[in-house]
Amino acid sequence: MTELGPVAWPPEPIRTERLVLRESAARDRPAFVELLASPEVHTYLGGPRPRAELEREMPGVPERWPGSFVVELDGTMIGQILLRRATGHRRPAVVGKADLGYLFLPRAWGFGYAAEACAAALDWFDAVLPGEPVVLTTQTANVGSMRLAAKLGFTEVERFHAWDAEQWLGLRSPVR
């Protein structure tokens, strides 16, 4: 995955009804460790990373690059939205397109925060890179992620088998 391209980064914080999407800061480091070490978060992502390894290797200001948004609720990080250019993907339908990813702490699940944050990030993307499609890949077993993809307007391109599971690849056509 590489940078998105000619976008001004970081943008001004994006505010929704309940959330703020912003660039990461040093204060987010503990939440990033928790997010990446969580077995629940990584059920469909190949498993968590060891907490000790994350504590040792994570920089003071983690995940600071164009397209990586911290999702904040009431001043506290609850998740991350990722928009990256897919370059090394094995599926031809994905290569070169922007790829949407998201991770939320389990305590933030079930409140609609992921839909709200992803919709705001996609609105930002449409404004800075108009006319570009976005792809999303998830395991078909991840029912919540499949529902979110449909809510965000992604339609199925294909299903394929990878990482010992059936994967779903969706495309969100560019907003014109």
Protein backbone atom coordinates (compact mmCIF):
# COMPACT_ATOMS: atom_id res chain seq x y z
CA MET A 1 0.00 0.00 0.00
CA THR A 2 1.26 3.45 -0.78
CA GLU A 3 0.18 7.03 -0.28
CA LEU A 4 -2.99 8.31 -1.82
CA GLY A 5 -1.37 10.85 -4.10
CA PRO A 6 -1.71 14.61 -4.34
CA VAL A 7 -3.69 15.32 -1.18
CA ALA A 8 -2.97 17.97 1.44
CA TRP A 9 -2.17 16.16 4.68
CA PRO A 10 -3.16 16.38 7.39
CA PRO A 11 -6.57 17.84 6.68
CA GLU A 12 -8.41 19.89 9.24
CA PRO A 13 -10.12 17.55 11.69
CA ILE A 14 -13.33 16.14 10.25
CA ARG A 15 -16.26 16.48 12.61
CA THR A 16 -19.40 14.38 12.46
CA GLU A 17 -22.39 14.44 14.78
CA ARG A 18 -20.51 12.42 17.43
CA LEU A 19 -16.94 11.89 16.22
CA VAL A 20 -13.76 13.61 15.16
CA LEU A 21 -11.45 12.16 12.49
CA ARG A 22 -7.93 13.53 12.77
CA GLU A 23 -4.26 12.75 12.38
CA SER A 24 -2.72 10.59 15.10
CA ALA A 25 -0.94 12.10 18.09
CA ALA A 26 1.36 10.78 20.81
CA ARG A 27 -1.62 10.48 23.19
CA ASP A 28 -3.11 7.80 20.86
CA ARG A 29 -0.24 5.35 21.31
CA PRO A 30 -1.88 3.30 24.13
CA ALA A 31 -5.10 2.98 22.12
CA PHE A 32 -3.15 1.84 19.03
CA VAL A 33 -1.41 -0.81 21.14
CA GLU A 34 -4.79 -1.95 22.48
CA LEU A 35 -6.31 -1.96 18.97
CA LEU A 36 -3.51 -3.96 17.36
CA ALA A 37 -3.19 -6.41 20.28
CA SER A 38 -6.93 -7.12 20.54
CA PRO A 39 -7.94 -10.71 19.69
CA GLU A 40 -11.51 -9.52 19.07
CA VAL A 41 -10.47 -6.81 16.62
CA HIS A 42 -8.22 -9.21 14.73
CA THR A 43 -10.57 -12.21 14.59
CA TYR A 44 -10.83 -11.82 10.79
CA LEU A 45 -7.43 -10.21 10.23
CA GLY A 46 -5.01 -13.03 10.95
CA GLY A 47 -4.83 -12.58 14.71
CA PRO A 48 -3.46 -9.91 17.04
CA ARG A 49 0.13 -8.83 17.41
CA PRO A 50 1.82 -9.51 20.74
CA ARG A 51 1.36 -6.58 23.13
CA ALA A 52 5.01 -6.66 24.27
CA GLU A 53 6.17 -6.44 20.65
CA LEU A 54 3.86 -3.50 19.98
CA GLU A 55 5.00 -1.68 23.13
CA ARG A 56 8.61 -2.14 22.07
CA GLU A 57 8.30 -1.30 18.36
CA MET A 58 5.50 1.26 18.02
CA PRO A 59 6.75 4.81 17.47
CA GLY A 60 5.80 7.61 19.82
CA VAL A 61 3.30 8.93 17.27
CA PRO A 62 1.90 5.84 15.52
CA GLU A 63 0.30 5.52 12.08
CA ARG A 64 1.02 9.08 10.97
CA TRP A 65 0.69 9.06 7.19
CA PRO A 66 -1.77 10.37 4.59
CA GLY A 67 -5.03 8.46 4.71
CA SER A 68 -4.71 7.26 8.32
CA PHE A 69 -7.38 8.84 10.49
CA VAL A 70 -7.80 8.42 14.22
CA VAL A 71 -11.47 8.20 15.16
CA GLU A 72 -12.10 10.06 18.39
CA LEU A 73 -15.17 10.04 20.63
CA ASP A 74 -15.32 12.55 23.48
CA GLY A 75 -11.56 13.18 23.24
CA THR A 76 -10.56 9.49 23.25
CA MET A 77 -9.42 7.33 20.34
CA ILE A 78 -11.89 4.51 19.61
CA GLY A 79 -10.68 3.42 16.18
CA GLN A 80 -8.84 4.04 12.96
CA ILE A 81 -9.91 4.60 9.36
CA LEU A 82 -7.39 3.76 6.64
CA LEU A 83 -7.51 4.94 3.05
CA ARG A 84 -4.50 3.63 1.12
CA ARG A 85 -3.59 3.07 -2.49
CA ALA A 86 -3.65 -0.67 -3.22
CA THR A 87 -0.56 -1.51 -5.22
CA GLY A 88 0.56 -4.99 -4.22
CA HIS A 89 -2.86 -6.65 -4.07
CA ARG A 90 -3.28 -9.97 -5.86
CA ARG A 91 -6.75 -9.14 -7.20
CA PRO A 92 -6.62 -7.19 -10.50
CA ALA A 93 -9.83 -5.30 -9.64
CA VAL A 94 -8.07 -3.69 -6.67
CA VAL A 95 -4.69 -2.60 -8.00
CA GLY A 96 -4.19 1.15 -8.00
CA LYS A 97 -7.53 1.94 -6.38
CA ALA A 98 -7.99 3.45 -2.95
CA ASP A 99 -8.64 0.75 -0.35
CA LEU A 100 -10.80 1.46 2.72
CA GLY A 101 -9.97 -0.25 5.99
CA TYR A 102 -11.16 0.30 9.54
CA LEU A 103 -10.43 -0.95 13.03
CA PHE A 104 -12.49 -0.12 16.12
CA LEU A 105 -12.02 -1.08 19.74
CA PRO A 106 -14.63 -3.63 20.88
CA ARG A 107 -16.11 -1.19 23.40
CA ALA A 108 -17.08 1.03 20.42
CA TRP A 109 -18.88 -1.73 18.50
CA GLY A 110 -22.63 -1.64 17.97
CA PHE A 111 -23.18 2.13 18.16
CA GLY A 112 -22.86 3.04 14.47
CA TYR A 113 -19.49 4.75 14.94
CA ALA A 114 -17.82 2.78 12.14
CA ALA A 115 -20.52 3.75 9.63
CA GLU A 116 -20.41 7.40 10.72
CA ALA A 117 -16.60 7.58 10.59
CA CYS A 118 -16.23 5.68 7.30
CA ALA A 119 -18.90 7.82 5.62
CA ALA A 120 -17.05 10.98 6.75
CA ALA A 121 -13.71 9.63 5.50
CA LEU A 122 -15.26 8.70 2.15
CA ASP A 123 -16.82 12.17 1.86
CA TRP A 124 -13.36 13.66 2.48
CA PHE A 125 -11.86 11.32 -0.13
CA ASP A 126 -14.52 12.27 -2.70
CA ALA A 127 -13.73 15.95 -2.13
CA VAL A 128 -9.94 15.65 -2.47
CA LEU A 129 -9.80 12.97 -5.18
CA PRO A 130 -13.09 13.31 -7.07
CA GLY A 131 -14.08 10.59 -9.48
CA GLU A 132 -11.95 7.85 -7.91
CA PRO A 133 -13.44 4.49 -6.94
CA VAL A 134 -12.76 2.89 -3.57
CA VAL A 135 -12.49 -0.83 -2.80
CA LEU A 136 -12.98 -2.79 0.39
CA THR A 137 -12.07 -6.39 1.18
CA THR A 138 -13.42 -8.37 4.13
CA GLN A 139 -14.04 -11.96 5.08
CA THR A 140 -17.55 -13.13 4.29
CA ALA A 141 -17.69 -14.55 7.84
CA ASN A 142 -17.33 -11.00 9.21
CA VAL A 143 -21.06 -10.23 9.20
CA GLY A 144 -20.67 -6.77 10.74
CA SER A 145 -18.14 -5.71 8.12
CA MET A 146 -20.33 -7.08 5.33
CA ARG A 147 -23.29 -5.03 6.64
CA LEU A 148 -21.12 -1.92 6.89
CA ALA A 149 -19.85 -2.36 3.32
CA ALA A 150 -23.45 -2.51 2.04
CA LYS A 151 -24.46 0.53 4.12
CA LEU A 152 -21.54 2.51 2.66
CA GLY A 153 -22.57 1.67 -0.91
CA PHE A 154 -20.02 -1.01 -1.81
CA THR A 155 -21.21 -3.64 -4.27
CA GLU A 156 -19.70 -7.06 -4.75
CA VAL A 157 -17.04 -7.44 -7.43
CA GLU A 158 -15.94 -10.94 -6.52
CA ARG A 159 -15.38 -13.51 -3.83
CA PHE A 160 -12.12 -15.34 -3.52
CA HIS A 161 -10.28 -17.61 -1.14
CA ALA A 162 -7.24 -16.23 0.69
CA TRP A 163 -5.73 -16.50 4.17
CA ASP A 164 -7.70 -19.71 4.74
CA ALA A 165 -11.08 -17.98 4.38
CA GLU A 166 -13.57 -16.74 1.82
CA GLN A 167 -12.99 -13.04 1.08
CA TRP A 168 -15.43 -10.49 -0.30
CA LEU A 169 -14.26 -7.67 -2.55
CA GLY A 170 -16.53 -4.68 -2.97
CA LEU A 171 -16.34 -1.52 -5.06
CA ARG A 172 -17.80 1.89 -4.32
CA SER A 173 -18.21 3.74 -7.58
CA PRO A 174 -16.88 7.28 -7.67
CA VAL A 175 -19.23 10.06 -6.70
CA ARG A 176 -19.50 12.55 -9.51
